[in-house]
Amino acid sequence: MENIDERIKDVMAGVFGVDVDTLNEESSQDNVEGWDSIKHLDLIVSLEEEFSVSIPLEEIGNMTNFRYINITIDELVK
C-alpha cells in the first residue's frame, strides 16, 4: 500500500491536473498552478474521500501546502 505522502500527491495531481512528479514537500498554493479557492475545496473533498476522514473546518483554510496537508491527514488517520 502506498504511503500517505504518495497518496496525498496522487490526490493533488488529480485535482490540479499536474504530473505527480512535479509535487514535493515544497508544493503550495504559491507554486502549484491552478490552486485557487475552488480547487482548494475540491482538494479537501478528495482528501476526505481518499482517506475516509472528515477534515475539521478550522483546518481547511490552513491546508495550503503539502507539509501542512500531510501533518493534518496523518493526525486524522491515526
Protein backbone atom coordinates (compact mmCIF):
# COMPACT_ATOMS: atom_id res chain seq x y z
CA MET A 1 0.00 0.00 0.00
CA GLU A 2 1.21 3.46 -0.85
CA ASN A 3 2.31 5.66 2.00
CA ILE A 4 0.38 8.77 2.99
CA ASP A 5 2.79 11.10 1.16
CA GLU A 6 2.29 9.33 -2.15
CA ARG A 7 -1.47 9.11 -1.72
CA ILE A 8 -1.68 12.85 -0.99
CA LYS A 9 0.47 13.60 -4.05
CA ASP A 10 -1.78 11.40 -6.20
CA VAL A 11 -4.87 13.27 -4.98
CA MET A 12 -3.22 16.65 -5.52
CA ALA A 13 -2.08 15.69 -9.03
CA GLY A 14 -5.61 14.63 -9.94
CA VAL A 15 -7.26 17.76 -8.53
CA PHE A 16 -4.79 20.22 -10.02
CA GLY A 17 -4.17 18.38 -13.27
CA VAL A 18 -0.40 18.23 -12.83
CA ASP A 19 2.12 15.42 -13.06
CA VAL A 20 2.63 13.77 -9.68
CA ASP A 21 6.40 14.08 -10.18
CA THR A 22 6.12 17.88 -10.02
CA LEU A 23 4.78 17.73 -6.45
CA ASN A 24 7.05 17.69 -3.41
CA GLU A 25 7.25 18.87 0.19
CA GLU A 26 7.54 22.47 -1.01
CA SER A 27 4.32 22.36 -3.07
CA SER A 28 1.86 25.06 -2.03
CA GLN A 29 -0.79 27.46 -3.27
CA ASP A 30 2.07 29.74 -4.26
CA ASN A 31 3.75 27.36 -6.70
CA VAL A 32 1.14 24.86 -7.92
CA GLU A 33 -0.59 26.25 -10.98
CA GLY A 34 -4.35 26.22 -10.76
CA TRP A 35 -4.53 26.03 -6.95
CA ASP A 36 -7.30 28.55 -6.40
CA SER A 37 -10.13 28.65 -3.88
CA ILE A 38 -12.41 26.35 -5.87
CA LYS A 39 -9.66 23.78 -6.47
CA HIS A 40 -8.77 24.03 -2.79
CA LEU A 41 -12.28 22.88 -1.87
CA ASP A 42 -12.03 20.10 -4.48
CA LEU A 43 -8.76 19.05 -2.85
CA ILE A 44 -10.31 18.93 0.62
CA VAL A 45 -13.25 16.80 -0.57
CA SER A 46 -10.92 14.49 -2.49
CA LEU A 47 -8.64 14.05 0.52
CA GLU A 48 -11.63 13.28 2.75
CA GLU A 49 -12.77 10.63 0.28
CA GLU A 50 -9.30 9.13 -0.21
CA PHE A 51 -8.57 8.80 3.49
CA SER A 52 -12.15 8.31 4.77
CA VAL A 53 -11.80 11.23 7.19
CA SER A 54 -13.64 14.43 7.95
CA ILE A 55 -11.33 17.43 7.96
CA PRO A 56 -12.26 19.93 10.67
CA LEU A 57 -13.49 23.24 9.31
CA GLU A 58 -10.83 25.16 11.24
CA GLU A 59 -8.07 23.18 9.44
CA ILE A 60 -9.34 23.66 5.88
CA GLY A 61 -8.07 27.23 5.50
CA ASN A 62 -4.63 26.26 6.78
CA MET A 63 -4.13 23.36 4.38
CA THR A 64 -2.36 25.45 1.74
CA ASN A 65 0.84 23.44 1.39
CA PHE A 66 1.89 19.83 1.16
CA ARG A 67 3.60 19.76 4.56
CA TYR A 68 0.55 21.00 6.46
CA ILE A 69 -1.76 18.71 4.49
CA ASN A 70 0.47 15.77 5.32
CA ILE A 71 0.55 16.63 9.03
CA THR A 72 -3.23 17.10 9.15
CA ILE A 73 -4.04 13.87 7.30
CA ASP A 74 -1.50 11.93 9.34
CA GLU A 75 -3.17 13.07 12.57
CA LEU A 76 -6.66 12.25 11.28
CA VAL A 77 -5.87 8.70 10.16
CA LYS A 78 -4.22 7.67 13.45
